[in-house]
Amino acid sequence: NKDELLLIDIGAEYKHYAADITRTFPISGKFTPAQKEIYELVLKAQEAAITAAKPGIKFNELHAVSERVLGEGLLALGLINKAEPEQIKSYYLHFLGHMLGLATHDTATYHKAFKQDMVYTVEPGIFVREDDVKEKAWYLALDDKAREGIDRALARYAGIGVRIEDVI
């Protein structure tokens, strides 16, 4: 469908070392306004995490950076009513990234600090799945007025999924 997005996740290998990249493209060649808003939010989260990445930081700390940016954006878009993990995770369905090396998903301890020359992915994503959100406890606990606001946002962004992944 020309109004849909295409998400391509490519794993590659060179001289026994792995790489991984994801891009999201509009089939028509141009994002709809709603798709562009979600894409720009995901890109902003990725840029914030990459900026924060340095030796000494832990992967879960980078994830928290991306989660904060995505939470602020989801709140501004009306998809959540509180920028708290339970609500953010309704759209940010995975961890920020993974280690790379001899395998695409190399082993790592996400609570240990990064060291110089470590290689990993940074891949935030937002996936708006209306039916899934409407089954969440936080959504069901909302009053009618709050639910109506989120329902309007869900209708605008329904079915949009964006992930952007790069190796750093």
C-alpha atoms as a PDB file:
ATOM      1  CA  ASN A   1       0.000   0.000   0.000  1.00  0.00           C
ATOM      2  CA  LYS A   2       1.496   3.340  -1.030  1.00  0.00           C
ATOM      3  CA  ASP A   3       0.619   4.928   2.332  1.00  0.00           C
ATOM      4  CA  GLU A   4       2.485   2.310   4.377  1.00  0.00           C
ATOM      5  CA  LEU A   5       6.034   2.145   5.665  1.00  0.00           C
ATOM      6  CA  LEU A   6       8.679  -0.445   4.858  1.00  0.00           C
ATOM      7  CA  LEU A   7      11.054  -1.373   7.685  1.00  0.00           C
ATOM      8  CA  ILE A   8      14.245  -3.110   6.536  1.00  0.00           C
ATOM      9  CA  ASP A   9      16.565  -4.711   9.112  1.00  0.00           C
ATOM     10  CA  ILE A  10      19.808  -5.894   7.542  1.00  0.00           C
ATOM     11  CA  GLY A  11      22.463  -7.978   9.231  1.00  0.00           C
ATOM     12  CA  ALA A  12      25.751  -8.258   7.366  1.00  0.00           C
ATOM     13  CA  GLU A  13      29.101  -9.872   7.918  1.00  0.00           C
ATOM     14  CA  TYR A  14      32.583  -8.843   6.812  1.00  0.00           C
ATOM     15  CA  LYS A  15      35.715 -10.846   7.614  1.00  0.00           C
ATOM     16  CA  HIS A  16      33.745 -12.707  10.295  1.00  0.00           C
ATOM     17  CA  TYR A  17      32.526  -9.533  12.023  1.00  0.00           C
ATOM     18  CA  ALA A  18      28.844  -8.671  12.163  1.00  0.00           C
ATOM     19  CA  ALA A  19      27.011  -5.452  11.388  1.00  0.00           C
ATOM     20  CA  ASP A  20      23.348  -4.551  11.687  1.00  0.00           C
ATOM     21  CA  ILE A  21      21.343  -1.613  10.344  1.00  0.00           C
ATOM     22  CA  THR A  22      17.641  -0.790  10.143  1.00  0.00           C
ATOM     23  CA  ARG A  23      15.871   1.846   8.105  1.00  0.00           C
ATOM     24  CA  THR A  24      12.218   2.742   7.731  1.00  0.00           C
ATOM     25  CA  PHE A  25      11.030   4.131   4.393  1.00  0.00           C
ATOM     26  CA  PRO A  26       7.667   5.408   3.136  1.00  0.00           C
ATOM     27  CA  ILE A  27       6.509   3.203   0.232  1.00  0.00           C
ATOM     28  CA  SER A  28       5.284   6.293  -1.650  1.00  0.00           C
ATOM     29  CA  GLY A  29       8.631   8.042  -1.254  1.00  0.00           C
ATOM     30  CA  LYS A  30       7.171  10.659   1.084  1.00  0.00           C
ATOM     31  CA  PHE A  31       6.139  10.358   4.735  1.00  0.00           C
ATOM     32  CA  THR A  32       2.609  11.317   5.691  1.00  0.00           C
ATOM     33  CA  PRO A  33       2.557  14.054   8.358  1.00  0.00           C
ATOM     34  CA  ALA A  34       1.823  11.465  11.087  1.00  0.00           C
ATOM     35  CA  GLN A  35       4.576   9.112   9.867  1.00  0.00           C
ATOM     36  CA  LYS A  36       7.033  12.011   9.759  1.00  0.00           C
ATOM     37  CA  GLU A  37       6.223  12.949  13.365  1.00  0.00           C
ATOM     38  CA  ILE A  38       6.930   9.413  14.586  1.00  0.00           C
ATOM     39  CA  TYR A  39      10.055   9.105  12.415  1.00  0.00           C
ATOM     40  CA  GLU A  40      11.462  12.394  13.708  1.00  0.00           C
ATOM     41  CA  LEU A  41      10.774  11.353  17.304  1.00  0.00           C
ATOM     42  CA  VAL A  42      12.642   8.056  16.838  1.00  0.00           C
ATOM     43  CA  LEU A  43      15.523   9.867  15.132  1.00  0.00           C
ATOM     44  CA  LYS A  44      15.687  12.371  18.002  1.00  0.00           C
ATOM     45  CA  ALA A  45      15.894   9.493  20.511  1.00  0.00           C
ATOM     46  CA  GLN A  46      18.638   7.802  18.502  1.00  0.00           C
ATOM     47  CA  GLU A  47      20.648  11.016  18.234  1.00  0.00           C
ATOM     48  CA  ALA A  48      20.324  11.628  21.984  1.00  0.00           C
ATOM     49  CA  ALA A  49      21.558   8.108  22.779  1.00  0.00           C
ATOM     50  CA  ILE A  50      24.474   8.378  20.353  1.00  0.00           C
ATOM     51  CA  THR A  51      25.450  11.750  21.835  1.00  0.00           C
ATOM     52  CA  ALA A  52      25.399  10.245  25.336  1.00  0.00           C
ATOM     53  CA  ALA A  53      27.422   7.158  24.316  1.00  0.00           C
ATOM     54  CA  LYS A  54      30.979   7.130  25.625  1.00  0.00           C
ATOM     55  CA  PRO A  55      33.308   4.896  27.598  1.00  0.00           C
ATOM     56  CA  GLY A  56      32.049   4.574  31.154  1.00  0.00           C
ATOM     57  CA  ILE A  57      28.326   4.723  30.377  1.00  0.00           C
ATOM     58  CA  LYS A  58      26.232   1.573  30.712  1.00  0.00           C
ATOM     59  CA  PHE A  59      23.867   0.248  28.049  1.00  0.00           C
ATOM     60  CA  ASN A  60      20.875   0.474  30.370  1.00  0.00           C
ATOM     61  CA  GLU A  61      21.748   4.157  30.972  1.00  0.00           C
ATOM     62  CA  LEU A  62      21.712   4.775  27.209  1.00  0.00           C
ATOM     63  CA  HIS A  63      18.374   2.995  27.017  1.00  0.00           C
ATOM     64  CA  ALA A  64      17.065   5.365  29.706  1.00  0.00           C
ATOM     65  CA  VAL A  65      18.194   8.350  27.583  1.00  0.00           C
ATOM     66  CA  SER A  66      16.234   7.051  24.589  1.00  0.00           C
ATOM     67  CA  GLU A  67      13.236   6.176  26.761  1.00  0.00           C
ATOM     68  CA  ARG A  68      13.152   9.697  28.217  1.00  0.00           C
ATOM     69  CA  VAL A  69      13.194  11.311  24.760  1.00  0.00           C
ATOM     70  CA  LEU A  70      10.563   8.922  23.437  1.00  0.00           C
ATOM     71  CA  GLY A  71       8.409   9.452  26.533  1.00  0.00           C
ATOM     72  CA  GLU A  72       8.479  13.226  26.127  1.00  0.00           C
ATOM     73  CA  GLY A  73       7.603  12.842  22.447  1.00  0.00           C
ATOM     74  CA  LEU A  74       4.815  10.318  22.989  1.00  0.00           C
ATOM     75  CA  LEU A  75       3.341  12.656  25.592  1.00  0.00           C
ATOM     76  CA  ALA A  76       3.503  15.610  23.174  1.00  0.00           C
ATOM     77  CA  LEU A  77       1.833  13.500  20.459  1.00  0.00           C
ATOM     78  CA  GLY A  78      -0.970  12.540  22.869  1.00  0.00           C
ATOM     79  CA  LEU A  79      -0.241   8.805  22.775  1.00  0.00           C
ATOM     80  CA  ILE A  80       0.335   8.663  26.538  1.00  0.00           C
ATOM     81  CA  ASN A  81      -0.805  10.823  29.441  1.00  0.00           C
ATOM     82  CA  LYS A  82       2.300  10.295  31.645  1.00  0.00           C
ATOM     83  CA  ALA A  83       5.886   9.829  30.485  1.00  0.00           C
ATOM     84  CA  GLU A  84       6.397   6.761  32.663  1.00  0.00           C
ATOM     85  CA  PRO A  85       7.959   3.426  31.652  1.00  0.00           C
ATOM     86  CA  GLU A  86       4.717   1.437  31.742  1.00  0.00           C
ATOM     87  CA  GLN A  87       3.118   3.726  29.160  1.00  0.00           C
ATOM     88  CA  ILE A  88       6.256   4.246  27.054  1.00  0.00           C
ATOM     89  CA  LYS A  89       6.783   0.468  26.776  1.00  0.00           C
ATOM     90  CA  SER A  90       3.392   0.201  25.084  1.00  0.00           C
ATOM     91  CA  TYR A  91       5.100   1.702  22.011  1.00  0.00           C
ATOM     92  CA  TYR A  92       8.838   1.180  22.617  1.00  0.00           C
ATOM     93  CA  LEU A  93       8.695  -2.592  22.502  1.00  0.00           C
ATOM     94  CA  HIS A  94      12.379  -3.491  22.709  1.00  0.00           C
ATOM     95  CA  PHE A  95      15.674  -2.541  24.307  1.00  0.00           C
ATOM     96  CA  LEU A  96      17.801   0.227  22.751  1.00  0.00           C
ATOM     97  CA  GLY A  97      20.255  -2.107  21.050  1.00  0.00           C
ATOM     98  CA  HIS A  98      22.705  -4.951  21.337  1.00  0.00           C
ATOM     99  CA  MET A  99      26.401  -5.699  21.195  1.00  0.00           C
ATOM    100  CA  LEU A 100      28.086  -6.589  17.915  1.00  0.00           C
ATOM    101  CA  GLY A 101      31.169  -8.624  17.214  1.00  0.00           C
ATOM    102  CA  LEU A 102      31.524 -12.112  15.844  1.00  0.00           C
ATOM    103  CA  ALA A 103      27.746 -12.471  16.079  1.00  0.00           C
ATOM    104  CA  THR A 104      24.940 -10.055  15.241  1.00  0.00           C
ATOM    105  CA  HIS A 105      23.724 -10.316  18.825  1.00  0.00           C
ATOM    106  CA  ASP A 106      27.011 -10.714  20.655  1.00  0.00           C
ATOM    107  CA  THR A 107      26.896 -11.379  24.386  1.00  0.00           C
ATOM    108  CA  ALA A 108      27.094  -8.520  26.838  1.00  0.00           C
ATOM    109  CA  THR A 109      26.286  -7.474  30.339  1.00  0.00           C
ATOM    110  CA  TYR A 110      24.035  -4.455  29.998  1.00  0.00           C
ATOM    111  CA  HIS A 111      24.839  -3.183  33.484  1.00  0.00           C
ATOM    112  CA  LYS A 112      28.623  -2.930  32.958  1.00  0.00           C
ATOM    113  CA  ALA A 113      30.272   0.226  31.681  1.00  0.00           C
ATOM    114  CA  PHE A 114      31.300   0.491  28.042  1.00  0.00           C
ATOM    115  CA  LYS A 115      35.003   0.490  27.288  1.00  0.00           C
ATOM    116  CA  GLN A 116      36.847   2.139  24.410  1.00  0.00           C
ATOM    117  CA  ASP A 117      36.376   0.325  21.060  1.00  0.00           C
ATOM    118  CA  MET A 118      33.280  -1.654  22.065  1.00  0.00           C
ATOM    119  CA  VAL A 119      30.817  -1.975  19.183  1.00  0.00           C
ATOM    120  CA  TYR A 120      27.044  -1.937  19.593  1.00  0.00           C
ATOM    121  CA  THR A 121      23.818  -0.866  17.939  1.00  0.00           C
ATOM    122  CA  VAL A 122      21.587   2.044  18.827  1.00  0.00           C
ATOM    123  CA  GLU A 123      18.091   1.301  17.546  1.00  0.00           C
ATOM    124  CA  PRO A 124      15.140   2.977  19.202  1.00  0.00           C
ATOM    125  CA  GLY A 125      11.715   2.337  17.745  1.00  0.00           C
ATOM    126  CA  ILE A 126       8.084   3.275  18.106  1.00  0.00           C
ATOM    127  CA  PHE A 127       5.302   0.905  17.061  1.00  0.00           C
ATOM    128  CA  VAL A 128       1.708   2.125  17.348  1.00  0.00           C
ATOM    129  CA  ARG A 129      -0.545  -0.906  17.700  1.00  0.00           C
ATOM    130  CA  GLU A 130      -3.934   0.442  18.692  1.00  0.00           C
ATOM    131  CA  ASP A 131      -5.496  -2.824  19.865  1.00  0.00           C
ATOM    132  CA  ASP A 132      -2.496  -3.685  22.043  1.00  0.00           C
ATOM    133  CA  VAL A 133      -2.487  -0.276  23.727  1.00  0.00           C
ATOM    134  CA  LYS A 134      -6.211  -0.503  24.492  1.00  0.00           C
ATOM    135  CA  GLU A 135      -5.575  -3.742  26.427  1.00  0.00           C
ATOM    136  CA  LYS A 136      -2.906  -2.242  28.706  1.00  0.00           C
ATOM    137  CA  ALA A 137      -3.741  -1.809  32.392  1.00  0.00           C
ATOM    138  CA  TRP A 138      -2.646   1.856  32.396  1.00  0.00           C
ATOM    139  CA  TYR A 139      -4.993   2.634  29.482  1.00  0.00           C
ATOM    140  CA  LEU A 140      -7.942   0.789  31.047  1.00  0.00           C
ATOM    141  CA  ALA A 141      -7.395   2.686  34.314  1.00  0.00           C
ATOM    142  CA  LEU A 142      -7.793   6.086  32.623  1.00  0.00           C
ATOM    143  CA  ASP A 143     -10.953   8.100  32.969  1.00  0.00           C
ATOM    144  CA  ASP A 144     -13.135   8.577  29.873  1.00  0.00           C
ATOM    145  CA  LYS A 145     -11.743  12.021  29.027  1.00  0.00           C
ATOM    146  CA  ALA A 146      -8.106  10.851  29.149  1.00  0.00           C
ATOM    147  CA  ARG A 147      -8.955   7.741  27.125  1.00  0.00           C
ATOM    148  CA  GLU A 148     -10.697   9.861  24.476  1.00  0.00           C
ATOM    149  CA  GLY A 149      -7.576  11.983  24.026  1.00  0.00           C
ATOM    150  CA  ILE A 150      -5.366   8.937  23.615  1.00  0.00           C
ATOM    151  CA  ASP A 151      -7.927   7.363  21.270  1.00  0.00           C
ATOM    152  CA  ARG A 152      -7.673  10.411  18.979  1.00  0.00           C
ATOM    153  CA  ALA A 153      -3.885  10.079  18.900  1.00  0.00           C
ATOM    154  CA  LEU A 154      -4.128   6.316  18.353  1.00  0.00           C
ATOM    155  CA  ALA A 155      -6.411   6.902  15.369  1.00  0.00           C
ATOM    156  CA  ARG A 156      -3.922   9.393  13.888  1.00  0.00           C
ATOM    157  CA  TYR A 157      -0.840   7.180  14.347  1.00  0.00           C
ATOM    158  CA  ALA A 158      -2.405   3.689  14.083  1.00  0.00           C
ATOM    159  CA  GLY A 159      -0.254   1.138  12.328  1.00  0.00           C
ATOM    160  CA  ILE A 160       2.873   3.311  12.178  1.00  0.00           C
ATOM    161  CA  GLY A 161       6.072   1.524  13.109  1.00  0.00           C
ATOM    162  CA  VAL A 162       9.525   3.087  12.869  1.00  0.00           C
ATOM    163  CA  ARG A 163      12.931   1.837  13.941  1.00  0.00           C
ATOM    164  CA  ILE A 164      16.280   3.381  13.034  1.00  0.00           C
ATOM    165  CA  GLU A 165      19.399   1.352  13.775  1.00  0.00           C
ATOM    166  CA  ASP A 166      23.050   2.224  13.386  1.00  0.00           C
ATOM    167  CA  VAL A 167      26.289   0.705  14.648  1.00  0.00           C
ATOM    168  CA  ILE A 168      28.547   2.780  16.877  1.00  0.00           C
END
